[in-house]
C-alpha atoms as a PDB file:
ATOM      1  CA  MET A   1       0.220  -0.006   0.069  1.00  0.00           C
ATOM      2  CA  LYS A   2       1.320   3.392  -0.819  1.00  0.00           C
ATOM      3  CA  TYR A   3      -0.282   6.599   0.865  1.00  0.00           C
ATOM      4  CA  GLU A   4       0.140  10.197   0.658  1.00  0.00           C
ATOM      5  CA  LYS A   5      -0.509  12.816   3.642  1.00  0.00           C
ATOM      6  CA  GLU A   6      -1.295  16.623   3.951  1.00  0.00           C
ATOM      7  CA  ILE A   7      -2.181  18.546   7.223  1.00  0.00           C
ATOM      8  CA  THR A   8      -3.958  21.310   6.925  1.00  0.00           C
ATOM      9  CA  SER A   9      -5.549  23.679   9.616  1.00  0.00           C
ATOM     10  CA  GLU A  10      -6.058  20.955  12.090  1.00  0.00           C
ATOM     11  CA  VAL A  11      -6.871  18.110   9.546  1.00  0.00           C
ATOM     12  CA  LEU A  12      -4.712  15.224   8.531  1.00  0.00           C
ATOM     13  CA  LYS A  13      -5.924  14.110   4.970  1.00  0.00           C
ATOM     14  CA  LEU A  14      -4.384  10.949   4.018  1.00  0.00           C
ATOM     15  CA  LYS A  15      -5.046   9.039   1.015  1.00  0.00           C
ATOM     16  CA  PHE A  16      -4.470   5.128   0.413  1.00  0.00           C
ATOM     17  CA  GLU A  17      -3.590   3.261  -2.524  1.00  0.00           C
ATOM     18  CA  GLY A  18      -3.443  -0.560  -3.255  1.00  0.00           C
ATOM     19  CA  ASP A  19      -4.086  -3.254  -0.587  1.00  0.00           C
ATOM     20  CA  LEU A  20      -4.704  -2.205   2.910  1.00  0.00           C
ATOM     21  CA  ILE A  21      -3.025  -4.496   4.914  1.00  0.00           C
ATOM     22  CA  GLY A  22      -2.433  -3.713   8.305  1.00  0.00           C
ATOM     23  CA  GLU A  23       0.174  -5.581   8.810  1.00  0.00           C
ATOM     24  CA  ASN A  24       2.496  -4.064   6.231  1.00  0.00           C
ATOM     25  CA  ASN A  25       1.682  -0.229   7.061  1.00  0.00           C
ATOM     26  CA  GLY A  26      -0.854  -0.310  10.147  1.00  0.00           C
ATOM     27  CA  PRO A  27       1.733   0.620  12.882  1.00  0.00           C
ATOM     28  CA  GLU A  28       3.516   3.439  10.579  1.00  0.00           C
ATOM     29  CA  VAL A  29      -0.001   4.983   9.861  1.00  0.00           C
ATOM     30  CA  VAL A  30      -1.051   4.956  13.503  1.00  0.00           C
ATOM     31  CA  GLU A  31       2.431   6.610  14.592  1.00  0.00           C
ATOM     32  CA  LEU A  32       1.645   9.099  11.838  1.00  0.00           C
ATOM     33  CA  ALA A  33      -1.930   9.751  13.629  1.00  0.00           C
ATOM     34  CA  ASN A  34      -0.243   9.874  16.934  1.00  0.00           C
ATOM     35  CA  ASP A  35       2.082  12.718  15.536  1.00  0.00           C
ATOM     36  CA  ALA A  36      -0.722  14.908  14.054  1.00  0.00           C
ATOM     37  CA  ILE A  37      -2.643  14.322  16.834  1.00  0.00           C
ATOM     38  CA  SER A  38       0.201  15.562  19.161  1.00  0.00           C
ATOM     39  CA  SER A  39       0.843  18.638  17.115  1.00  0.00           C
ATOM     40  CA  GLY A  40      -3.130  19.660  17.624  1.00  0.00           C
ATOM     41  CA  VAL A  41      -4.811  17.894  14.651  1.00  0.00           C
ATOM     42  CA  LYS A  42      -8.921  16.412  15.509  1.00  0.00           C
ATOM     43  CA  ASN A  43      -9.645  15.412  12.614  1.00  0.00           C
ATOM     44  CA  CYS A  44      -8.969  13.186   9.644  1.00  0.00           C
ATOM     45  CA  LEU A  45     -10.117  12.449   6.054  1.00  0.00           C
ATOM     46  CA  LEU A  46      -9.140   9.203   4.644  1.00  0.00           C
ATOM     47  CA  ASN A  47      -9.569   8.869   0.972  1.00  0.00           C
ATOM     48  CA  ILE A  48      -9.519   5.191   0.335  1.00  0.00           C
ATOM     49  CA  SER A  49     -11.247   5.422  -3.139  1.00  0.00           C
ATOM     50  CA  ASP A  50      -7.962   3.578  -4.708  1.00  0.00           C
ATOM     51  CA  VAL A  51      -7.778   0.716  -2.331  1.00  0.00           C
ATOM     52  CA  ARG A  52      -8.588  -2.337  -4.230  1.00  0.00           C
ATOM     53  CA  TYR A  53      -8.473  -4.970  -1.101  1.00  0.00           C
ATOM     54  CA  ILE A  54      -8.515  -4.496   2.801  1.00  0.00           C
ATOM     55  CA  ASN A  55      -8.456  -7.219   4.975  1.00  0.00           C
ATOM     56  CA  SER A  56      -9.188  -7.820   8.992  1.00  0.00           C
ATOM     57  CA  SER A  57      -5.908  -6.096   9.995  1.00  0.00           C
ATOM     58  CA  GLY A  58      -6.796  -3.292   7.461  1.00  0.00           C
ATOM     59  CA  ILE A  59     -10.136  -2.680   9.307  1.00  0.00           C
ATOM     60  CA  GLY A  60      -8.571  -2.849  12.866  1.00  0.00           C
ATOM     61  CA  VAL A  61      -6.352   0.208  11.137  1.00  0.00           C
ATOM     62  CA  LEU A  62      -9.156   1.969  10.189  1.00  0.00           C
ATOM     63  CA  ILE A  63     -10.911   1.549  13.893  1.00  0.00           C
ATOM     64  CA  THR A  64      -7.741   2.254  15.539  1.00  0.00           C
ATOM     65  CA  LEU A  65      -7.635   5.866  13.917  1.00  0.00           C
ATOM     66  CA  LEU A  66     -11.130   6.272  14.266  1.00  0.00           C
ATOM     67  CA  THR A  67     -10.874   5.877  17.849  1.00  0.00           C
ATOM     68  CA  LYS A  68      -7.938   8.204  18.369  1.00  0.00           C
ATOM     69  CA  PHE A  69      -9.374  11.086  16.584  1.00  0.00           C
ATOM     70  CA  ARG A  70     -12.867  10.325  18.344  1.00  0.00           C
ATOM     71  CA  ASN A  71     -10.851  10.405  21.804  1.00  0.00           C
ATOM     72  CA  GLN A  72      -9.632  13.948  20.856  1.00  0.00           C
ATOM     73  CA  GLY A  73     -12.707  15.253  20.318  1.00  0.00           C
ATOM     74  CA  GLY A  74     -12.504  14.940  16.730  1.00  0.00           C
ATOM     75  CA  GLU A  75     -13.552  12.664  13.601  1.00  0.00           C
ATOM     76  CA  LEU A  76     -12.405  10.540  10.955  1.00  0.00           C
ATOM     77  CA  PHE A  77     -14.219  10.687   7.454  1.00  0.00           C
ATOM     78  CA  ILE A  78     -13.867   7.861   4.824  1.00  0.00           C
ATOM     79  CA  ILE A  79     -14.033   9.501   1.618  1.00  0.00           C
ATOM     80  CA  LYS A  80     -15.164   7.692  -1.025  1.00  0.00           C
ATOM     81  CA  PRO A  81     -15.002   3.861  -0.551  1.00  0.00           C
ATOM     82  CA  SER A  82     -14.327   1.799  -3.384  1.00  0.00           C
ATOM     83  CA  GLU A  83     -17.067  -0.776  -4.224  1.00  0.00           C
ATOM     84  CA  HIS A  84     -15.273  -3.557  -2.685  1.00  0.00           C
ATOM     85  CA  VAL A  85     -14.292  -1.785   0.555  1.00  0.00           C
ATOM     86  CA  ASN A  86     -18.031  -0.189   0.917  1.00  0.00           C
ATOM     87  CA  LYS A  87     -19.348  -4.026   0.402  1.00  0.00           C
ATOM     88  CA  LEU A  88     -16.984  -5.031   3.178  1.00  0.00           C
ATOM     89  CA  LEU A  89     -18.057  -2.042   5.248  1.00  0.00           C
ATOM     90  CA  ILE A  90     -21.848  -2.665   4.693  1.00  0.00           C
ATOM     91  CA  MET A  91     -21.506  -6.553   5.551  1.00  0.00           C
ATOM     92  CA  THR A  92     -19.437  -5.825   8.760  1.00  0.00           C
ATOM     93  CA  LYS A  93     -22.247  -3.287   9.575  1.00  0.00           C
ATOM     94  CA  LEU A  94     -18.889  -0.959  10.053  1.00  0.00           C
ATOM     95  CA  GLN A  95     -20.934   1.366   7.892  1.00  0.00           C
ATOM     96  CA  ALA A  96     -23.135   2.500  10.642  1.00  0.00           C
ATOM     97  CA  ILE A  97     -20.070   3.670  13.132  1.00  0.00           C
ATOM     98  CA  PHE A  98     -18.060   5.529  10.298  1.00  0.00           C
ATOM     99  CA  ASN A  99     -18.627   8.817   8.873  1.00  0.00           C
ATOM    100  CA  ILE A 100     -19.034   8.054   4.929  1.00  0.00           C
ATOM    101  CA  ALA A 101     -18.669  11.205   2.418  1.00  0.00           C
ATOM    102  CA  GLU A 102     -18.618  11.030  -1.122  1.00  0.00           C
ATOM    103  CA  SER A 103     -16.029  13.764  -1.409  1.00  0.00           C
ATOM    104  CA  GLU A 104     -13.778  15.788   0.301  1.00  0.00           C
ATOM    105  CA  GLU A 105     -15.486  18.954   0.451  1.00  0.00           C
ATOM    106  CA  GLU A 106     -18.676  17.266   1.301  1.00  0.00           C
ATOM    107  CA  ALA A 107     -16.320  15.802   4.484  1.00  0.00           C
ATOM    108  CA  LEU A 108     -15.108  19.107   5.581  1.00  0.00           C
ATOM    109  CA  GLU A 109     -18.775  20.730   5.303  1.00  0.00           C
ATOM    110  CA  LYS A 110     -19.465  18.222   8.036  1.00  0.00           C
ATOM    111  CA  ILE A 111     -16.842  18.817  10.135  1.00  0.00           C
END
């Protein structure tokens, strides 16, 4: 999995591409979130439109990120999940706990 990051005014923007398999990049991404939170970031926009596959460890990474931001009084928004990921979120009923937006603009409006 590859990812890009950007921090702008209390918002961490992450864009994932490839396969979200938590064992590979999970700890690195969680540490990145911890650093952002330590510097005052409250919200995270997670664009996963280019994620082809996600396993249970990848879902664990998403839940860990969600928990970290909510514990700081912020929120995590999943931006435009791919069809495969969206089906998985529905099957696991996780779409009920995540804020899912179709665009970055929509998520920013909700913040």
